[in-house]
Amino acid sequence: MFRETWRETLRPRRAIPLGLVGLALLSAEWVATRAWIAVAADLVLLVLFVLLSPPLWRALCGPSGSALGWIGLTFVAALVVGLVLAIPPLVAGSFTYVGDPNAAFLLVALFVVGGWGLGRDVELERGVVRAEARADDLARVAEQSQLLALRAQLDPHFLFNTLGAIAEWCRDDPEVAERAT
């Protein structure tokens, strides 16, 4: 499930918007702090979000949306955000723009909601693909059924017409009737 979700997340229709959001996040961090360590922390957060959040949503919450799965996803999000945001102060001795303690809850919420959005998009797309395949199969079966029904209607007519022609030949030309049978 993880590989499939990663493959689907990296399709251009999802990767381009993710890249634009990531670029905006990294630009805002650079403008606010001018610290490479802060930009690196944001990049790590973005990569971990793409790698973990959508597949974890599909694995833990999925279409059923169990409360325990949501709690697990929120816990993982808090753990990831907390660990990544703890690194810059330890290494550089300064907080990052995104790493402001007031932003931590927002980042956890974005991690969870973003995972829900991307994971649900992948699930819905899979459902559409399955529905299209099922519709194609049903259309093929319907066509075969129509052909069989037409054949069932035509077979008695062919038999009746053939027997009628042979009977007529028996009256008019017995040699032709003999060859036909």
N, C-alpha and C. Protein backbone atom coordinates (compact mmCIF):
# COMPACT_ATOMS: atom_id res chain seq x y z
N MET A 1 0.82 -1.19 0.00
CA MET A 1 0.00 0.00 0.00
C MET A 1 0.87 1.26 0.00
N PHE A 2 1.99 1.22 0.72
CA PHE A 2 2.87 2.39 0.79
C PHE A 2 3.43 2.73 -0.59
N ARG A 3 3.94 1.70 -1.30
CA ARG A 3 4.54 1.96 -2.62
C ARG A 3 3.50 2.49 -3.60
N GLU A 4 2.33 1.89 -3.57
CA GLU A 4 1.27 2.36 -4.46
C GLU A 4 0.91 3.81 -4.16
N THR A 5 0.81 4.15 -2.88
CA THR A 5 0.47 5.52 -2.50
C THR A 5 1.58 6.48 -2.91
N TRP A 6 2.84 6.09 -2.72
CA TRP A 6 3.95 6.95 -3.14
C TRP A 6 3.92 7.17 -4.65
N ARG A 7 3.68 6.07 -5.39
CA ARG A 7 3.63 6.18 -6.85
C ARG A 7 2.51 7.13 -7.27
N GLU A 8 1.35 6.99 -6.64
CA GLU A 8 0.22 7.86 -6.97
C GLU A 8 0.46 9.30 -6.53
N THR A 9 1.12 9.48 -5.39
CA THR A 9 1.39 10.84 -4.89
C THR A 9 2.38 11.56 -5.80
N LEU A 10 3.28 10.82 -6.41
CA LEU A 10 4.29 11.45 -7.26
C LEU A 10 3.85 11.61 -8.71
N ARG A 11 2.60 11.29 -9.01
CA ARG A 11 2.08 11.58 -10.36
C ARG A 11 2.00 13.09 -10.52
N PRO A 12 2.19 13.59 -11.73
CA PRO A 12 2.23 15.04 -11.93
C PRO A 12 1.02 15.79 -11.39
N ARG A 13 -0.16 15.21 -11.46
CA ARG A 13 -1.35 15.93 -11.00
C ARG A 13 -1.34 16.17 -9.49
N ARG A 14 -0.53 15.41 -8.77
CA ARG A 14 -0.39 15.64 -7.33
C ARG A 14 0.97 16.25 -7.00
N ALA A 15 2.01 15.82 -7.71
CA ALA A 15 3.37 16.26 -7.40
C ALA A 15 3.57 17.74 -7.69
N ILE A 16 2.98 18.25 -8.75
CA ILE A 16 3.17 19.66 -9.10
C ILE A 16 2.58 20.57 -8.02
N PRO A 17 1.32 20.36 -7.59
CA PRO A 17 0.81 21.20 -6.50
C PRO A 17 1.62 21.04 -5.21
N LEU A 18 2.04 19.81 -4.90
CA LEU A 18 2.86 19.61 -3.70
C LEU A 18 4.18 20.37 -3.82
N GLY A 19 4.77 20.32 -5.00
CA GLY A 19 6.02 21.05 -5.22
C GLY A 19 5.85 22.55 -5.07
N LEU A 20 4.74 23.08 -5.58
CA LEU A 20 4.48 24.52 -5.46
C LEU A 20 4.27 24.93 -4.00
N VAL A 21 3.53 24.12 -3.25
CA VAL A 21 3.33 24.41 -1.82
C VAL A 21 4.66 24.32 -1.10
N GLY A 22 5.46 23.30 -1.42
CA GLY A 22 6.77 23.16 -0.79
C GLY A 22 7.68 24.33 -1.12
N LEU A 23 7.65 24.77 -2.36
CA LEU A 23 8.47 25.92 -2.76
C LEU A 23 8.04 27.18 -2.00
N ALA A 24 6.74 27.37 -1.84
CA ALA A 24 6.25 28.53 -1.09
C ALA A 24 6.68 28.44 0.38
N LEU A 25 6.60 27.25 0.95
CA LEU A 25 7.01 27.05 2.35
C LEU A 25 8.50 27.33 2.52
N LEU A 26 9.30 26.79 1.63
CA LEU A 26 10.75 26.99 1.73
C LEU A 26 11.13 28.45 1.49
N SER A 27 10.44 29.09 0.55
CA SER A 27 10.71 30.52 0.30
C SER A 27 10.35 31.37 1.51
N ALA A 28 9.20 31.09 2.11
CA ALA A 28 8.79 31.86 3.29
C ALA A 28 9.79 31.66 4.43
N GLU A 29 10.27 30.45 4.59
CA GLU A 29 11.25 30.18 5.64
C GLU A 29 12.54 30.95 5.38
N TRP A 30 12.99 30.94 4.13
CA TRP A 30 14.23 31.63 3.80
C TRP A 30 14.09 33.14 4.01
N VAL A 31 12.98 33.70 3.56
CA VAL A 31 12.76 35.14 3.71
C VAL A 31 12.69 35.51 5.19
N ALA A 32 12.07 34.66 6.00
CA ALA A 32 11.89 34.98 7.42
C ALA A 32 13.16 34.79 8.23
N THR A 33 13.97 33.78 7.92
CA THR A 33 15.10 33.46 8.80
C THR A 33 16.47 33.61 8.16
N ARG A 34 16.56 33.45 6.85
CA ARG A 34 17.85 33.44 6.14
C ARG A 34 18.79 32.38 6.72
N ALA A 35 18.20 31.28 7.19
CA ALA A 35 19.00 30.20 7.79
C ALA A 35 18.79 28.92 6.98
N TRP A 36 19.91 28.37 6.49
CA TRP A 36 19.83 27.13 5.72
C TRP A 36 19.32 25.97 6.56
N ILE A 37 19.66 25.95 7.82
CA ILE A 37 19.19 24.86 8.70
C ILE A 37 17.67 24.88 8.81
N ALA A 38 17.09 26.08 8.80
CA ALA A 38 15.63 26.19 8.87
C ALA A 38 14.99 25.70 7.57
N VAL A 39 15.59 26.06 6.45
CA VAL A 39 15.08 25.61 5.15
C VAL A 39 15.22 24.09 5.05
N ALA A 40 16.34 23.56 5.53
CA ALA A 40 16.55 22.11 5.52
C ALA A 40 15.51 21.40 6.38
N ALA A 41 15.20 21.96 7.55
CA ALA A 41 14.18 21.36 8.42
C ALA A 41 12.82 21.35 7.73
N ASP A 42 12.49 22.44 7.04
CA ASP A 42 11.23 22.49 6.31
C ASP A 42 11.20 21.47 5.18
N LEU A 43 12.32 21.33 4.50
CA LEU A 43 12.41 20.35 3.42
C LEU A 43 12.23 18.93 3.96
N VAL A 44 12.86 18.65 5.09
CA VAL A 44 12.70 17.33 5.72
C VAL A 44 11.24 17.11 6.10
N LEU A 45 10.59 18.14 6.65
CA LEU A 45 9.17 18.03 7.00
C LEU A 45 8.32 17.73 5.76
N LEU A 46 8.61 18.43 4.69
CA LEU A 46 7.85 18.23 3.46
C LEU A 46 8.04 16.81 2.92
N VAL A 47 9.28 16.35 2.88
CA VAL A 47 9.55 14.99 2.39
C VAL A 47 8.89 13.95 3.29
N LEU A 48 9.00 14.12 4.61
CA LEU A 48 8.36 13.17 5.52
C LEU A 48 6.85 13.21 5.38
N PHE A 49 6.30 14.39 5.14
CA PHE A 49 4.86 14.49 4.91
C PHE A 49 4.45 13.66 3.70
N VAL A 50 5.16 13.84 2.58
CA VAL A 50 4.81 13.11 1.36
C VAL A 50 5.00 11.61 1.55
N LEU A 51 6.06 11.22 2.25
CA LEU A 51 6.35 9.79 2.44
C LEU A 51 5.44 9.12 3.45
N LEU A 52 5.02 9.84 4.48
CA LEU A 52 4.29 9.20 5.57
C LEU A 52 2.80 9.49 5.63
N SER A 53 2.42 10.72 5.45
CA SER A 53 1.04 11.09 5.74
C SER A 53 -0.01 10.41 4.86
N PRO A 54 0.08 10.46 3.52
CA PRO A 54 -0.96 9.79 2.73
C PRO A 54 -1.02 8.28 2.92
N PRO A 55 0.13 7.56 2.90
CA PRO A 55 0.01 6.12 3.11
C PRO A 55 -0.45 5.75 4.52
N LEU A 56 -0.04 6.54 5.52
CA LEU A 56 -0.52 6.26 6.87
C LEU A 56 -2.01 6.49 6.99
N TRP A 57 -2.52 7.52 6.33
CA TRP A 57 -3.97 7.74 6.36
C TRP A 57 -4.68 6.55 5.73
N ARG A 58 -4.17 6.07 4.59
CA ARG A 58 -4.81 4.93 3.93
C ARG A 58 -4.72 3.67 4.78
N ALA A 59 -3.58 3.49 5.48
CA ALA A 59 -3.40 2.28 6.29
C ALA A 59 -4.19 2.35 7.59
N LEU A 60 -4.17 3.50 8.26
CA LEU A 60 -4.79 3.60 9.58
C LEU A 60 -6.26 4.01 9.52
N CYS A 61 -6.58 4.93 8.67
CA CYS A 61 -7.94 5.48 8.64
C CYS A 61 -8.74 4.90 7.48
N GLY A 62 -8.17 4.98 6.30
CA GLY A 62 -8.83 4.45 5.12
C GLY A 62 -10.22 5.00 4.93
N PRO A 63 -10.99 4.37 4.06
CA PRO A 63 -12.34 4.85 3.82
C PRO A 63 -13.26 4.73 5.04
N SER A 64 -12.96 3.81 5.94
CA SER A 64 -13.84 3.62 7.11
C SER A 64 -13.72 4.77 8.11
N GLY A 65 -12.53 5.35 8.23
CA GLY A 65 -12.34 6.50 9.12
C GLY A 65 -12.50 6.18 10.59
N SER A 66 -11.89 5.10 11.06
CA SER A 66 -12.02 4.73 12.47
C SER A 66 -11.33 5.76 13.37
N ALA A 67 -11.90 5.97 14.54
CA ALA A 67 -11.36 6.96 15.48
C ALA A 67 -9.95 6.58 15.93
N LEU A 68 -9.72 5.29 16.14
CA LEU A 68 -8.40 4.84 16.57
C LEU A 68 -7.35 5.13 15.49
N GLY A 69 -7.72 4.97 14.23
CA GLY A 69 -6.80 5.28 13.14
C GLY A 69 -6.44 6.75 13.10
N TRP A 70 -7.45 7.61 13.31
CA TRP A 70 -7.20 9.06 13.33
C TRP A 70 -6.29 9.44 14.49
N ILE A 71 -6.49 8.81 15.63
CA ILE A 71 -5.63 9.08 16.79
C ILE A 71 -4.20 8.65 16.48
N GLY A 72 -4.05 7.47 15.86
CA GLY A 72 -2.72 6.99 15.49
C GLY A 72 -2.03 7.91 14.50
N LEU A 73 -2.77 8.37 13.50
CA LEU A 73 -2.20 9.28 12.51
C LEU A 73 -1.80 10.60 13.15
N THR A 74 -2.61 11.12 14.04
CA THR A 74 -2.29 12.37 14.73
C THR A 74 -1.06 12.19 15.61
N PHE A 75 -0.95 11.04 16.26
CA PHE A 75 0.23 10.77 17.10
C PHE A 75 1.50 10.73 16.24
N VAL A 76 1.44 10.03 15.12
CA VAL A 76 2.60 9.96 14.23
C VAL A 76 2.95 11.35 13.71
N ALA A 77 1.94 12.14 13.35
CA ALA A 77 2.18 13.51 12.87
C ALA A 77 2.86 14.34 13.94
N ALA A 78 2.37 14.26 15.17
CA ALA A 78 2.97 15.03 16.27
C ALA A 78 4.41 14.59 16.51
N LEU A 79 4.64 13.29 16.43
CA LEU A 79 5.99 12.76 16.63
C LEU A 79 6.94 13.27 15.54
N VAL A 80 6.52 13.18 14.29
CA VAL A 80 7.36 13.63 13.17
C VAL A 80 7.63 15.12 13.27
N VAL A 81 6.58 15.91 13.47
CA VAL A 81 6.74 17.36 13.56
C VAL A 81 7.63 17.72 14.74
N GLY A 82 7.41 17.10 15.87
CA GLY A 82 8.21 17.39 17.06
C GLY A 82 9.68 17.07 16.87
N LEU A 83 9.96 15.90 16.28
CA LEU A 83 11.35 15.51 16.06
C LEU A 83 12.05 16.43 15.06
N VAL A 84 11.37 16.74 13.97
CA VAL A 84 12.00 17.59 12.95
C VAL A 84 12.21 19.00 13.48
N LEU A 85 11.26 19.53 14.21
CA LEU A 85 11.38 20.91 14.71
C LEU A 85 12.35 21.01 15.88
N ALA A 86 12.69 19.89 16.50
CA ALA A 86 13.65 19.92 17.61
C ALA A 86 15.09 19.99 17.10
N ILE A 87 15.32 19.61 15.85
CA ILE A 87 16.69 19.55 15.33
C ILE A 87 17.33 20.93 15.16
N PRO A 88 16.69 21.91 14.49
CA PRO A 88 17.37 23.21 14.30
C PRO A 88 17.80 23.89 15.59
N PRO A 89 16.98 23.94 16.65
CA PRO A 89 17.47 24.57 17.87
C PRO A 89 18.67 23.84 18.48
N LEU A 90 18.69 22.52 18.33
CA LEU A 90 19.82 21.76 18.87
C LEU A 90 21.08 22.00 18.05
N VAL A 91 20.94 22.09 16.74
CA VAL A 91 22.10 22.24 15.86
C VAL A 91 22.55 23.69 15.76
N ALA A 92 21.60 24.59 15.48
CA ALA A 92 21.96 25.99 15.21
C ALA A 92 21.69 26.91 16.39
N GLY A 93 20.98 26.42 17.37
CA GLY A 93 20.69 27.25 18.53
C GLY A 93 19.62 28.29 18.30
N SER A 94 18.84 28.14 17.21
CA SER A 94 17.77 29.11 16.97
C SER A 94 16.52 28.39 16.47
N PHE A 95 15.39 29.00 16.74
CA PHE A 95 14.14 28.43 16.25
C PHE A 95 13.92 28.84 14.80
N THR A 96 13.16 28.05 14.09
CA THR A 96 12.83 28.37 12.71
C THR A 96 11.49 29.08 12.66
N TYR A 97 11.21 29.69 11.52
CA TYR A 97 9.93 30.37 11.32
C TYR A 97 8.78 29.37 11.47
N VAL A 98 8.88 28.26 10.76
CA VAL A 98 7.86 27.22 10.85
C VAL A 98 7.96 26.49 12.18
N GLY A 99 9.14 26.46 12.76
CA GLY A 99 9.35 25.74 14.00
C GLY A 99 8.95 26.51 15.25
N ASP A 100 8.32 27.63 15.09
CA ASP A 100 7.83 28.38 16.25
C ASP A 100 6.88 27.48 17.04
N PRO A 101 7.02 27.45 18.35
CA PRO A 101 6.16 26.56 19.16
C PRO A 101 4.66 26.78 18.91
N ASN A 102 4.28 28.00 18.59
CA ASN A 102 2.87 28.26 18.31
C ASN A 102 2.40 27.61 17.01
N ALA A 103 3.33 27.31 16.11
CA ALA A 103 2.98 26.72 14.82
C ALA A 103 2.94 25.20 14.87
N ALA A 104 3.41 24.59 15.94
CA ALA A 104 3.49 23.13 16.01
C ALA A 104 2.12 22.47 15.83
N PHE A 105 1.10 22.99 16.50
CA PHE A 105 -0.23 22.39 16.37
C PHE A 105 -0.76 22.56 14.95
N LEU A 106 -0.47 23.70 14.36
CA LEU A 106 -0.88 23.94 12.98
C LEU A 106 -0.19 22.95 12.04
N LEU A 107 1.09 22.70 12.25
CA LEU A 107 1.82 21.75 11.41
C LEU A 107 1.28 20.33 11.56
N VAL A 108 0.94 19.95 12.78
CA VAL A 108 0.35 18.63 13.01
C VAL A 108 -0.99 18.54 12.27
N ALA A 109 -1.80 19.59 12.39
CA ALA A 109 -3.09 19.60 11.69
C ALA A 109 -2.90 19.53 10.18
N LEU A 110 -1.94 20.28 9.65
CA LEU A 110 -1.66 20.23 8.22
C LEU A 110 -1.18 18.85 7.79
N PHE A 111 -0.36 18.23 8.61
CA PHE A 111 0.13 16.88 8.33
C PHE A 111 -1.04 15.90 8.24
N VAL A 112 -1.95 15.98 9.20
CA VAL A 112 -3.09 15.05 9.23
C VAL A 112 -4.06 15.35 8.09
N VAL A 113 -4.43 16.61 7.94
CA VAL A 113 -5.41 16.98 6.91
C VAL A 113 -4.83 16.77 5.50
N GLY A 114 -3.56 17.09 5.32
CA GLY A 114 -2.92 16.85 4.03
C GLY A 114 -2.87 15.37 3.70
N GLY A 115 -2.57 14.55 4.70
CA GLY A 115 -2.57 13.10 4.50
C GLY A 115 -3.95 12.59 4.14
N TRP A 116 -4.96 13.15 4.84
CA TRP A 116 -6.34 12.78 4.53
C TRP A 116 -6.68 13.16 3.09
N GLY A 117 -6.33 14.38 2.69
CA GLY A 117 -6.66 14.84 1.34
C GLY A 117 -5.99 14.01 0.26
N LEU A 118 -4.70 13.80 0.41
CA LEU A 118 -3.97 13.03 -0.61
C LEU A 118 -4.36 11.56 -0.58
N GLY A 119 -4.46 10.99 0.62
CA GLY A 119 -4.84 9.58 0.73
C GLY A 119 -6.24 9.33 0.19
N ARG A 120 -7.15 10.23 0.52
CA ARG A 120 -8.53 10.09 0.03
C ARG A 120 -8.58 10.26 -1.48
N ASP A 121 -7.80 11.16 -2.01
CA ASP A 121 -7.74 11.34 -3.46
C ASP A 121 -7.28 10.06 -4.14
N VAL A 122 -6.26 9.42 -3.58
CA VAL A 122 -5.77 8.16 -4.14
C VAL A 122 -6.86 7.09 -4.05
N GLU A 123 -7.53 7.00 -2.90
CA GLU A 123 -8.61 6.02 -2.73
C GLU A 123 -9.75 6.26 -3.72
N LEU A 124 -10.15 7.52 -3.87
CA LEU A 124 -11.25 7.84 -4.79
C LEU A 124 -10.86 7.53 -6.23
N GLU A 125 -9.62 7.82 -6.59
CA GLU A 125 -9.17 7.51 -7.95
C GLU A 125 -9.16 6.00 -8.18
N ARG A 126 -8.74 5.25 -7.19
CA ARG A 126 -8.77 3.79 -7.31
C ARG A 126 -10.21 3.30 -7.49
N GLY A 127 -11.14 3.92 -6.75
CA GLY A 127 -12.55 3.55 -6.89
C GLY A 127 -13.08 3.85 -8.28
N VAL A 128 -12.68 4.97 -8.85
CA VAL A 128 -13.12 5.33 -10.20
C VAL A 128 -12.56 4.33 -11.21
N VAL A 129 -11.30 3.96 -11.06
CA VAL A 129 -10.68 3.00 -11.97
C VAL A 129 -11.41 1.65 -11.88
N ARG A 130 -11.71 1.21 -10.65
CA ARG A 130 -12.46 -0.04 -10.48
C ARG A 130 -13.85 0.06 -11.11
N ALA A 131 -14.52 1.18 -10.91
CA ALA A 131 -15.87 1.35 -11.46
C ALA A 131 -15.84 1.36 -12.99
N GLU A 132 -14.82 2.00 -13.57
CA GLU A 132 -14.71 2.02 -15.03
C GLU A 132 -14.44 0.61 -15.57
N ALA A 133 -13.59 -0.15 -14.89
CA ALA A 133 -13.31 -1.52 -15.32
C ALA A 133 -14.58 -2.37 -15.21
N ARG A 134 -15.31 -2.18 -14.13
CA ARG A 134 -16.57 -2.93 -13.96
C ARG A 134 -17.58 -2.53 -15.03
N ALA A 135 -17.68 -1.25 -15.35
CA ALA A 135 -18.59 -0.80 -16.39
C ALA A 135 -18.20 -1.39 -17.75
N ASP A 136 -16.91 -1.46 -18.04
CA ASP A 136 -16.45 -2.07 -19.29
C ASP A 136 -16.83 -3.54 -19.34
N ASP A 137 -16.62 -4.25 -18.23
CA ASP A 137 -16.98 -5.67 -18.17
C ASP A 137 -18.48 -5.85 -18.36
N LEU A 138 -19.28 -5.02 -17.68
CA LEU A 138 -20.73 -5.13 -17.81
C LEU A 138 -21.20 -4.80 -19.23
N ALA A 139 -20.56 -3.83 -19.87
CA ALA A 139 -20.91 -3.50 -21.25
C ALA A 139 -20.59 -4.67 -22.18
N ARG A 140 -19.46 -5.32 -21.94
CA ARG A 140 -19.08 -6.48 -22.75
C ARG A 140 -20.08 -7.62 -22.55
N VAL A 141 -20.47 -7.87 -21.31
CA VAL A 141 -21.44 -8.93 -21.01
C VAL A 141 -22.79 -8.60 -21.63
N ALA A 142 -23.19 -7.33 -21.56
CA ALA A 142 -24.47 -6.92 -22.14
C ALA A 142 -24.47 -7.12 -23.66
N GLU A 143 -23.36 -6.79 -24.30
CA GLU A 143 -23.26 -6.97 -25.74
C GLU A 143 -23.34 -8.45 -26.11
N GLN A 144 -22.64 -9.30 -25.34
CA GLN A 144 -22.70 -10.74 -25.60
C GLN A 144 -24.11 -11.27 -25.39
N SER A 145 -24.79 -10.77 -24.37
CA SER A 145 -26.16 -11.21 -24.10
C SER A 145 -27.09 -10.80 -25.23
N GLN A 146 -26.92 -9.59 -25.75
CA GLN A 146 -27.75 -9.15 -26.87
C GLN A 146 -27.51 -10.00 -28.11
N LEU A 147 -26.25 -10.34 -28.35
CA LEU A 147 -25.95 -11.18 -29.51
C LEU A 147 -26.54 -12.58 -29.35
N LEU A 148 -26.47 -13.13 -28.14
CA LEU A 148 -27.06 -14.45 -27.90
C LEU A 148 -28.58 -14.40 -28.04
N ALA A 149 -29.19 -13.33 -27.56
CA ALA A 149 -30.65 -13.19 -27.69
C ALA A 149 -31.05 -13.08 -29.16
N LEU A 150 -30.30 -12.32 -29.93
CA LEU A 150 -30.58 -12.18 -31.36
C LEU A 150 -30.41 -13.52 -32.07
N ARG A 151 -29.38 -14.23 -31.70
CA ARG A 151 -29.14 -15.54 -32.30
C ARG A 151 -30.27 -16.51 -31.96
N ALA A 152 -30.72 -16.47 -30.72
CA ALA A 152 -31.82 -17.35 -30.31
C ALA A 152 -33.10 -17.01 -31.08
N GLN A 153 -33.29 -15.75 -31.43
CA GLN A 153 -34.47 -15.37 -32.21
C GLN A 153 -34.32 -15.77 -33.66
N LEU A 154 -33.11 -15.68 -34.20
CA LEU A 154 -32.90 -15.94 -35.61
C LEU A 154 -32.81 -17.43 -35.93
N ASP A 155 -32.28 -18.25 -35.07
CA ASP A 155 -32.09 -19.68 -35.36
C ASP A 155 -33.39 -20.37 -35.76
N PRO A 156 -34.50 -20.21 -35.04
CA PRO A 156 -35.74 -20.87 -35.47
C PRO A 156 -36.21 -20.39 -36.84
N HIS A 157 -36.00 -19.11 -37.13
CA HIS A 157 -36.42 -18.58 -38.43
C HIS A 157 -35.59 -19.20 -39.56
N PHE A 158 -34.28 -19.33 -39.35
CA PHE A 158 -33.44 -19.95 -40.37
C PHE A 158 -33.86 -21.40 -40.59
N LEU A 159 -34.11 -22.12 -39.51
CA LEU A 159 -34.52 -23.52 -39.62
C LEU A 159 -35.86 -23.62 -40.36
N PHE A 160 -36.80 -22.77 -39.97
CA PHE A 160 -38.11 -22.77 -40.61
C PHE A 160 -37.99 -22.44 -42.09
N ASN A 161 -37.22 -21.41 -42.43
CA ASN A 161 -37.06 -21.02 -43.83
C ASN A 161 -36.36 -22.10 -44.65
N THR A 162 -35.35 -22.73 -44.05
CA THR A 162 -34.62 -23.79 -44.76
C THR A 162 -35.53 -24.98 -45.02
N LEU A 163 -36.28 -25.39 -44.00
CA LEU A 163 -37.20 -26.52 -44.19
C LEU A 163 -38.29 -26.17 -45.20
N GLY A 164 -38.73 -24.91 -45.15
CA GLY A 164 -39.74 -24.48 -46.14
C GLY A 164 -39.19 -24.53 -47.55
N ALA A 165 -37.93 -24.10 -47.72
CA ALA A 165 -37.32 -24.13 -49.06
C ALA A 165 -37.15 -25.56 -49.54
N ILE A 166 -36.72 -26.46 -48.66
CA ILE A 166 -36.54 -27.87 -49.05
C ILE A 166 -37.88 -28.49 -49.41
N ALA A 167 -38.92 -28.17 -48.64
CA ALA A 167 -40.26 -28.71 -48.94
C ALA A 167 -40.73 -28.22 -50.31
N GLU A 168 -40.45 -26.96 -50.60
CA GLU A 168 -40.85 -26.41 -51.91
C GLU A 168 -40.07 -27.09 -53.03
N TRP A 169 -38.76 -27.33 -52.78
CA TRP A 169 -37.96 -28.02 -53.79
C TRP A 169 -38.44 -29.45 -54.00
N CYS A 170 -38.91 -30.07 -52.92
CA CYS A 170 -39.41 -31.45 -53.05
C CYS A 170 -40.60 -31.49 -54.00
N ARG A 171 -41.43 -30.46 -53.96
CA ARG A 171 -42.59 -30.40 -54.85
C ARG A 171 -42.17 -30.04 -56.27
N ASP A 172 -41.27 -29.04 -56.39
CA ASP A 172 -40.93 -28.50 -57.70
C ASP A 172 -39.77 -29.24 -58.38
N ASP A 173 -38.69 -29.52 -57.64
CA ASP A 173 -37.49 -30.11 -58.23
C ASP A 173 -36.87 -31.08 -57.23
N PRO A 174 -37.24 -32.35 -57.27
CA PRO A 174 -36.75 -33.32 -56.29
C PRO A 174 -35.22 -33.48 -56.28
N GLU A 175 -34.55 -33.28 -57.43
CA GLU A 175 -33.09 -33.42 -57.46
C GLU A 175 -32.41 -32.33 -56.62
N VAL A 176 -32.87 -31.11 -56.71
CA VAL A 176 -32.31 -30.00 -55.93
C VAL A 176 -32.57 -30.26 -54.44
N ALA A 177 -33.74 -30.77 -54.12
CA ALA A 177 -34.08 -31.08 -52.73
C ALA A 177 -33.16 -32.17 -52.19
N GLU A 178 -32.87 -33.16 -53.03
CA GLU A 178 -31.98 -34.25 -52.63
C GLU A 178 -30.58 -33.72 -52.31
N ARG A 179 -30.06 -32.82 -53.16
CA ARG A 179 -28.73 -32.25 -52.93
C ARG A 179 -28.72 -31.35 -51.69
N ALA A 180 -29.80 -30.66 -51.40
CA ALA A 180 -29.86 -29.74 -50.25
C ALA A 180 -29.84 -30.50 -48.93
N THR A 181 -30.35 -31.71 -48.92
CA THR A 181 -30.36 -32.47 -47.67
C THR A 181 -29.10 -33.27 -47.61
